[in-house]
Amino acid sequence: MAVINAVMPAVGRTSGALVTSSSAVDERISSQIEIIHATGESGTSTVHIWVKNVGTSTLAPLDRIDLFFGPDGNFSRITYGGPSCGAPCWEYELENDTSWARGATLHITVHWDQALQTGVTYYTKVVSPNGTYDSKLFTL
């Protein structure tokens, strides 16, 4: 009886941890994003990034996305600022849905604190709230 009383709580904790871990892995597997296009115009400080949810999960909250942007090798994290934010910051709009569900495209507008330059390669990385990510290099 003493052995059962000692072992059963440990088994219960272990199975609970496995269920939680399995759920987190399932969520990451079912959520995927893809940067489908990133662009800007030389001499301006605005960058447009389109990101598609190609996974099966709806991703939220969108203001918890981590966005990295800058010249390749010299990028930094850009904070979310919402509509009409002051540079450097970013805002977003969903273009073809009311939530970032499978197949929906998120249009991110980056307001950078420097003018974009022709011939410079820029790096952008978008990390969803649950850790899935995609990155892209583009040159003006």
Foldseek 3Di string as FASTA:
>chain_A
DVVCVVVVVVVVVVVVVVVVVVVLVVVLVQWAKDFPDKDDDFFAQKIKIKMATQGQDFFDDPQLKWKWKDFVPDIDTAHDDEPPGDPQHKYWDWDPDPTRGHGIMIIMMGRHPDGAHAPTKMKMKIATNSGHIDIDIDGD
